């Protein structure tokens, strides 16, 4: 397989890990950077151990306003 295609797949996987990390306490950029540094698989496992971001927890706990 072409090295350019493999690099594109790897960067896409790192980006997707970053998106998952944006919902966690780690954040997008940290998850993306660590997935570049290590591997996306390792960072996904680490993200499973971290807590969700406090903002997302507040959004979940806030009762939704009734539709008018």
PDB file of N, CA and C in Angstrom:
ATOM      1  N   UNK A   1       0.840  -1.171   0.000  1.00  0.00           N
ATOM      2  CA  UNK A   1       0.000   0.000   0.000  1.00  0.00           C
ATOM      3  C   UNK A   1       0.888   1.238   0.000  1.00  0.00           C
ATOM      4  N   UNK A   2       0.435   2.291  -0.604  1.00  0.00           N
ATOM      5  CA  UNK A   2       1.201   3.533  -0.712  1.00  0.00           C
ATOM      6  C   UNK A   2       1.419   4.158   0.670  1.00  0.00           C
ATOM      7  N   UNK A   3       2.615   4.688   0.931  1.00  0.00           N
ATOM      8  CA  UNK A   3       2.865   5.341   2.227  1.00  0.00           C
ATOM      9  C   UNK A   3       1.963   6.549   2.461  1.00  0.00           C
ATOM     10  N   UNK A   4       1.628   7.273   1.401  1.00  0.00           N
ATOM     11  CA  UNK A   4       0.751   8.432   1.549  1.00  0.00           C
ATOM     12  C   UNK A   4      -0.644   8.047   2.008  1.00  0.00           C
ATOM     13  N   UNK A   5      -1.144   6.927   1.493  1.00  0.00           N
ATOM     14  CA  UNK A   5      -2.467   6.453   1.882  1.00  0.00           C
ATOM     15  C   UNK A   5      -2.446   5.983   3.332  1.00  0.00           C
ATOM     16  N   UNK A   6      -1.392   5.283   3.720  1.00  0.00           N
ATOM     17  CA  UNK A   6      -1.274   4.838   5.107  1.00  0.00           C
ATOM     18  C   UNK A   6      -1.193   6.020   6.063  1.00  0.00           C
ATOM     19  N   UNK A   7      -0.456   7.042   5.675  1.00  0.00           N
ATOM     20  CA  UNK A   7      -0.352   8.240   6.501  1.00  0.00           C
ATOM     21  C   UNK A   7      -1.713   8.922   6.626  1.00  0.00           C
ATOM     22  N   UNK A   8      -2.467   8.997   5.531  1.00  0.00           N
ATOM     23  CA  UNK A   8      -3.795   9.613   5.568  1.00  0.00           C
ATOM     24  C   UNK A   8      -4.741   8.827   6.475  1.00  0.00           C
ATOM     25  N   UNK A   9      -4.680   7.511   6.415  1.00  0.00           N
ATOM     26  CA  UNK A   9      -5.515   6.666   7.277  1.00  0.00           C
ATOM     27  C   UNK A   9      -5.136   6.866   8.737  1.00  0.00           C
ATOM     28  N   UNK A  10      -3.840   6.932   9.016  1.00  0.00           N
ATOM     29  CA  UNK A  10      -3.363   7.128  10.388  1.00  0.00           C
ATOM     30  C   UNK A  10      -3.818   8.490  10.923  1.00  0.00           C
ATOM     31  N   UNK A  11      -3.696   9.534  10.106  1.00  0.00           N
ATOM     32  CA  UNK A  11      -4.120  10.869  10.546  1.00  0.00           C
ATOM     33  C   UNK A  11      -5.629  10.932  10.745  1.00  0.00           C
ATOM     34  N   UNK A  12      -6.387  10.246   9.902  1.00  0.00           N
ATOM     35  CA  UNK A  12      -7.831  10.189  10.070  1.00  0.00           C
ATOM     36  C   UNK A  12      -8.195   9.487  11.379  1.00  0.00           C
ATOM     37  N   UNK A  13      -7.494   8.391  11.668  1.00  0.00           N
ATOM     38  CA  UNK A  13      -7.742   7.686  12.929  1.00  0.00           C
ATOM     39  C   UNK A  13      -7.402   8.578  14.125  1.00  0.00           C
ATOM     40  N   UNK A  14      -6.311   9.333  14.032  1.00  0.00           N
ATOM     41  CA  UNK A  14      -5.941  10.257  15.108  1.00  0.00           C
ATOM     42  C   UNK A  14      -6.986  11.349  15.267  1.00  0.00           C
ATOM     43  N   UNK A  15      -7.512  11.844  14.159  1.00  0.00           N
ATOM     44  CA  UNK A  15      -8.557  12.861  14.215  1.00  0.00           C
ATOM     45  C   UNK A  15      -9.819  12.318  14.875  1.00  0.00           C
ATOM     46  N   UNK A  16     -10.199  11.102  14.536  1.00  0.00           N
ATOM     47  CA  UNK A  16     -11.380  10.495  15.140  1.00  0.00           C
ATOM     48  C   UNK A  16     -11.191  10.285  16.634  1.00  0.00           C
ATOM     49  N   UNK A  17      -9.981   9.896  17.035  1.00  0.00           N
ATOM     50  CA  UNK A  17      -9.683   9.766  18.463  1.00  0.00           C
ATOM     51  C   UNK A  17      -9.791  11.134  19.128  1.00  0.00           C
ATOM     52  N   UNK A  18      -9.342  12.172  18.450  1.00  0.00           N
ATOM     53  CA  UNK A  18      -9.473  13.528  18.977  1.00  0.00           C
ATOM     54  C   UNK A  18     -10.925  13.911  19.185  1.00  0.00           C
ATOM     55  N   UNK A  19     -11.791  13.533  18.254  1.00  0.00           N
ATOM     56  CA  UNK A  19     -13.220  13.812  18.414  1.00  0.00           C
ATOM     57  C   UNK A  19     -13.800  13.091  19.625  1.00  0.00           C
ATOM     58  N   UNK A  20     -13.391  11.861  19.818  1.00  0.00           N
ATOM     59  CA  UNK A  20     -13.832  11.129  21.010  1.00  0.00           C
ATOM     60  C   UNK A  20     -13.297  11.814  22.262  1.00  0.00           C
ATOM     61  N   UNK A  21     -12.051  12.253  22.202  1.00  0.00           N
ATOM     62  CA  UNK A  21     -11.447  12.931  23.347  1.00  0.00           C
ATOM     63  C   UNK A  21     -12.077  14.269  23.665  1.00  0.00           C
ATOM     64  N   UNK A  22     -12.725  14.900  22.693  1.00  0.00           N
ATOM     65  CA  UNK A  22     -13.356  16.197  22.950  1.00  0.00           C
ATOM     66  C   UNK A  22     -14.518  16.072  23.923  1.00  0.00           C
ATOM     67  N   UNK A  23     -15.058  14.894  24.049  1.00  0.00           N
ATOM     68  CA  UNK A  23     -16.159  14.661  24.985  1.00  0.00           C
ATOM     69  C   UNK A  23     -15.655  14.220  26.360  1.00  0.00           C
ATOM     70  N   UNK A  24     -14.378  14.035  26.475  1.00  0.00           N
ATOM     71  CA  UNK A  24     -13.798  13.576  27.729  1.00  0.00           C
ATOM     72  C   UNK A  24     -13.019  14.709  28.372  1.00  0.00           C
ATOM     73  N   UNK A  25     -12.534  14.482  29.570  1.00  0.00           N
ATOM     74  CA  UNK A  25     -11.786  15.502  30.298  1.00  0.00           C
ATOM     75  C   UNK A  25     -10.485  15.851  29.580  1.00  0.00           C
ATOM     76  N   UNK A  26      -9.965  14.942  28.805  1.00  0.00           N
ATOM     77  CA  UNK A  26      -8.690  15.154  28.118  1.00  0.00           C
ATOM     78  C   UNK A  26      -8.785  16.249  27.057  1.00  0.00           C
ATOM     79  N   UNK A  27      -9.868  16.301  26.326  1.00  0.00           N
ATOM     80  CA  UNK A  27     -10.038  17.306  25.286  1.00  0.00           C
ATOM     81  C   UNK A  27      -9.530  16.825  23.934  1.00  0.00           C
ATOM     82  N   UNK A  28      -9.942  17.559  22.889  1.00  0.00           N
ATOM     83  CA  UNK A  28      -9.608  17.166  21.522  1.00  0.00           C
ATOM     84  C   UNK A  28      -8.108  17.197  21.255  1.00  0.00           C
ATOM     85  N   UNK A  29      -7.465  18.329  21.551  1.00  0.00           N
ATOM     86  CA  UNK A  29      -6.071  18.498  21.161  1.00  0.00           C
ATOM     87  C   UNK A  29      -5.138  17.541  21.889  1.00  0.00           C
ATOM     88  N   UNK A  30      -5.400  17.305  23.167  1.00  0.00           N
ATOM     89  CA  UNK A  30      -4.564  16.363  23.914  1.00  0.00           C
ATOM     90  C   UNK A  30      -4.740  14.947  23.366  1.00  0.00           C
ATOM     91  N   UNK A  31      -5.968  14.559  23.104  1.00  0.00           N
ATOM     92  CA  UNK A  31      -6.216  13.220  22.569  1.00  0.00           C
ATOM     93  C   UNK A  31      -5.589  13.070  21.188  1.00  0.00           C
ATOM     94  N   UNK A  32      -5.734  14.097  20.352  1.00  0.00           N
ATOM     95  CA  UNK A  32      -5.145  14.053  19.016  1.00  0.00           C
ATOM     96  C   UNK A  32      -3.625  13.971  19.097  1.00  0.00           C
ATOM     97  N   UNK A  33      -3.004  14.805  19.936  1.00  0.00           N
ATOM     98  CA  UNK A  33      -1.554  14.820  20.070  1.00  0.00           C
ATOM     99  C   UNK A  33      -1.030  13.478  20.580  1.00  0.00           C
ATOM    100  N   UNK A  34      -1.661  12.949  21.630  1.00  0.00           N
ATOM    101  CA  UNK A  34      -1.188  11.676  22.174  1.00  0.00           C
ATOM    102  C   UNK A  34      -1.415  10.519  21.204  1.00  0.00           C
ATOM    103  N   UNK A  35      -2.475  10.589  20.405  1.00  0.00           N
ATOM    104  CA  UNK A  35      -2.670   9.529  19.422  1.00  0.00           C
ATOM    105  C   UNK A  35      -1.641   9.618  18.303  1.00  0.00           C
ATOM    106  N   UNK A  36      -1.166  10.833  17.999  1.00  0.00           N
ATOM    107  CA  UNK A  36      -0.056  10.963  17.052  1.00  0.00           C
ATOM    108  C   UNK A  36       1.235  10.417  17.651  1.00  0.00           C
ATOM    109  N   UNK A  37       1.446  10.735  18.927  1.00  0.00           N
ATOM    110  CA  UNK A  37       2.682  10.354  19.605  1.00  0.00           C
ATOM    111  C   UNK A  37       2.750   8.846  19.850  1.00  0.00           C
ATOM    112  N   UNK A  38       1.667   8.280  20.318  1.00  0.00           N
ATOM    113  CA  UNK A  38       1.618   6.834  20.572  1.00  0.00           C
ATOM    114  C   UNK A  38       0.873   6.187  19.418  1.00  0.00           C
ATOM    115  N   UNK A  39      -0.252   5.582  19.682  1.00  0.00           N
ATOM    116  CA  UNK A  39      -1.117   5.071  18.610  1.00  0.00           C
ATOM    117  C   UNK A  39      -2.556   5.373  18.985  1.00  0.00           C
ATOM    118  N   UNK A  40      -3.433   5.498  18.003  1.00  0.00           N
ATOM    119  CA  UNK A  40      -4.832   5.763  18.326  1.00  0.00           C
ATOM    120  C   UNK A  40      -5.462   4.691  19.217  1.00  0.00           C
ATOM    121  N   UNK A  41      -5.054   3.454  19.058  1.00  0.00           N
ATOM    122  CA  UNK A  41      -5.627   2.369  19.861  1.00  0.00           C
ATOM    123  C   UNK A  41      -5.299   2.553  21.335  1.00  0.00           C
ATOM    124  N   UNK A  42      -4.067   2.914  21.647  1.00  0.00           N
ATOM    125  CA  UNK A  42      -3.661   3.122  23.037  1.00  0.00           C
ATOM    126  C   UNK A  42      -4.438   4.286  23.645  1.00  0.00           C
ATOM    127  N   UNK A  43      -4.589   5.356  22.891  1.00  0.00           N
ATOM    128  CA  UNK A  43      -5.278   6.540  23.408  1.00  0.00           C
ATOM    129  C   UNK A  43      -6.771   6.255  23.597  1.00  0.00           C
ATOM    130  N   UNK A  44      -7.369   5.471  22.727  1.00  0.00           N
ATOM    131  CA  UNK A  44      -8.773   5.084  22.916  1.00  0.00           C
ATOM    132  C   UNK A  44      -8.930   4.334  24.232  1.00  0.00           C
ATOM    133  N   UNK A  45      -8.009   3.444  24.522  1.00  0.00           N
ATOM    134  CA  UNK A  45      -8.066   2.714  25.794  1.00  0.00           C
ATOM    135  C   UNK A  45      -7.915   3.660  26.979  1.00  0.00           C
ATOM    136  N   UNK A  46      -7.040   4.630  26.872  1.00  0.00           N
ATOM    137  CA  UNK A  46      -6.861   5.616  27.940  1.00  0.00           C
ATOM    138  C   UNK A  46      -8.117   6.465  28.096  1.00  0.00           C
ATOM    139  N   UNK A  47      -8.727   6.846  26.990  1.00  0.00           N
ATOM    140  CA  UNK A  47      -9.950   7.652  27.056  1.00  0.00           C
ATOM    141  C   UNK A  47     -11.081   6.903  27.746  1.00  0.00           C
ATOM    142  N   UNK A  48     -11.095   5.599  27.635  1.00  0.00           N
ATOM    143  CA  UNK A  48     -12.127   4.825  28.315  1.00  0.00           C
ATOM    144  C   UNK A  48     -11.966   4.894  29.832  1.00  0.00           C
ATOM    145  N   UNK A  49     -10.754   5.192  30.286  1.00  0.00           N
ATOM    146  CA  UNK A  49     -10.492   5.285  31.721  1.00  0.00           C
ATOM    147  C   UNK A  49     -10.727   6.681  32.276  1.00  0.00           C
ATOM    148  N   UNK A  50     -10.796   7.691  31.413  1.00  0.00           N
ATOM    149  CA  UNK A  50     -10.962   9.057  31.884  1.00  0.00           C
ATOM    150  C   UNK A  50     -12.439   9.379  32.045  1.00  0.00           C
ATOM    151  N   UNK A  51     -12.694  10.434  32.778  1.00  0.00           N
ATOM    152  CA  UNK A  51     -14.079  10.835  33.030  1.00  0.00           C
ATOM    153  C   UNK A  51     -14.570  11.748  31.915  1.00  0.00           C
ATOM    154  N   UNK A  52     -15.889  11.870  31.825  1.00  0.00           N
ATOM    155  CA  UNK A  52     -16.444  12.795  30.842  1.00  0.00           C
ATOM    156  C   UNK A  52     -16.190  14.219  31.308  1.00  0.00           C
ATOM    157  N   UNK A  53     -16.203  15.149  30.391  1.00  0.00           N
ATOM    158  CA  UNK A  53     -15.933  16.535  30.756  1.00  0.00           C
ATOM    159  C   UNK A  53     -17.033  17.046  31.671  1.00  0.00           C
ATOM    160  N   UNK A  54     -16.673  17.976  32.547  1.00  0.00           N
ATOM    161  CA  UNK A  54     -17.640  18.518  33.496  1.00  0.00           C
ATOM    162  C   UNK A  54     -18.771  19.236  32.771  1.00  0.00           C
ATOM    163  N   UNK A  55     -18.472  19.882  31.652  1.00  0.00           N
ATOM    164  CA  UNK A  55     -19.497  20.569  30.878  1.00  0.00           C
ATOM    165  C   UNK A  55     -20.534  19.582  30.370  1.00  0.00           C
ATOM    166  N   UNK A  56     -20.086  18.426  29.871  1.00  0.00           N
ATOM    167  CA  UNK A  56     -21.029  17.420  29.372  1.00  0.00           C
ATOM    168  C   UNK A  56     -21.847  16.835  30.500  1.00  0.00           C
ATOM    169  N   UNK A  57     -21.237  16.666  31.674  1.00  0.00           N
ATOM    170  CA  UNK A  57     -21.991  16.152  32.807  1.00  0.00           C
ATOM    171  C   UNK A  57     -23.082  17.139  33.212  1.00  0.00           C
ATOM    172  N   UNK A  58     -22.769  18.434  33.201  1.00  0.00           N
ATOM    173  CA  UNK A  58     -23.776  19.447  33.531  1.00  0.00           C
ATOM    174  C   UNK A  58     -24.902  19.434  32.509  1.00  0.00           C
ATOM    175  N   UNK A  59     -24.553  19.277  31.240  1.00  0.00           N
ATOM    176  CA  UNK A  59     -25.576  19.248  30.195  1.00  0.00           C
ATOM    177  C   UNK A  59     -26.504  18.044  30.356  1.00  0.00           C
ATOM    178  N   UNK A  60     -25.964  16.936  30.784  1.00  0.00           N
ATOM    179  CA  UNK A  60     -26.786  15.737  30.991  1.00  0.00           C
ATOM    180  C   UNK A  60     -27.709  15.895  32.189  1.00  0.00           C
ATOM    181  N   UNK A  61     -27.220  16.550  33.241  1.00  0.00           N
ATOM    182  CA  UNK A  61     -27.997  16.684  34.464  1.00  0.00           C
ATOM    183  C   UNK A  61     -29.047  17.778  34.361  1.00  0.00           C
ATOM    184  N   UNK A  62     -28.846  18.750  33.503  1.00  0.00           N
ATOM    185  CA  UNK A  62     -29.787  19.851  33.351  1.00  0.00           C
ATOM    186  C   UNK A  62     -31.065  19.324  32.716  1.00  0.00           C
ATOM    187  N   UNK A  63     -32.195  19.562  33.361  1.00  0.00           N
ATOM    188  CA  UNK A  63     -33.445  19.101  32.741  1.00  0.00           C
ATOM    189  C   UNK A  63     -33.724  19.901  31.469  1.00  0.00           C
ATOM    190  N   UNK A  64     -34.198  19.204  30.478  1.00  0.00           N
ATOM    191  CA  UNK A  64     -34.483  19.886  29.216  1.00  0.00           C
ATOM    192  C   UNK A  64     -35.732  20.733  29.382  1.00  0.00           C
ATOM    193  N   UNK A  65     -35.714  21.897  28.790  1.00  0.00           N
ATOM    194  CA  UNK A  65     -36.870  22.790  28.896  1.00  0.00           C
ATOM    195  C   UNK A  65     -37.986  22.252  28.010  1.00  0.00           C
ATOM    196  N   UNK A  66     -39.227  22.370  28.482  1.00  0.00           N
ATOM    197  CA  UNK A  66     -40.338  21.862  27.663  1.00  0.00           C
ATOM    198  C   UNK A  66     -40.507  22.688  26.405  1.00  0.00           C
ATOM    199  N   UNK A  67     -40.874  22.035  25.359  1.00  0.00           N
ATOM    200  CA  UNK A  67     -41.068  22.725  24.077  1.00  0.00           C
ATOM    201  C   UNK A  67     -42.331  23.578  24.163  1.00  0.00           C
ATOM    202  N   UNK A  68     -42.256  24.763  23.605  1.00  0.00           N
ATOM    203  CA  UNK A  68     -43.431  25.668  23.651  1.00  0.00           C
ATOM    204  C   UNK A  68     -44.297  25.474  22.439  1.00  0.00           C
TER     205      UNK A  68
END
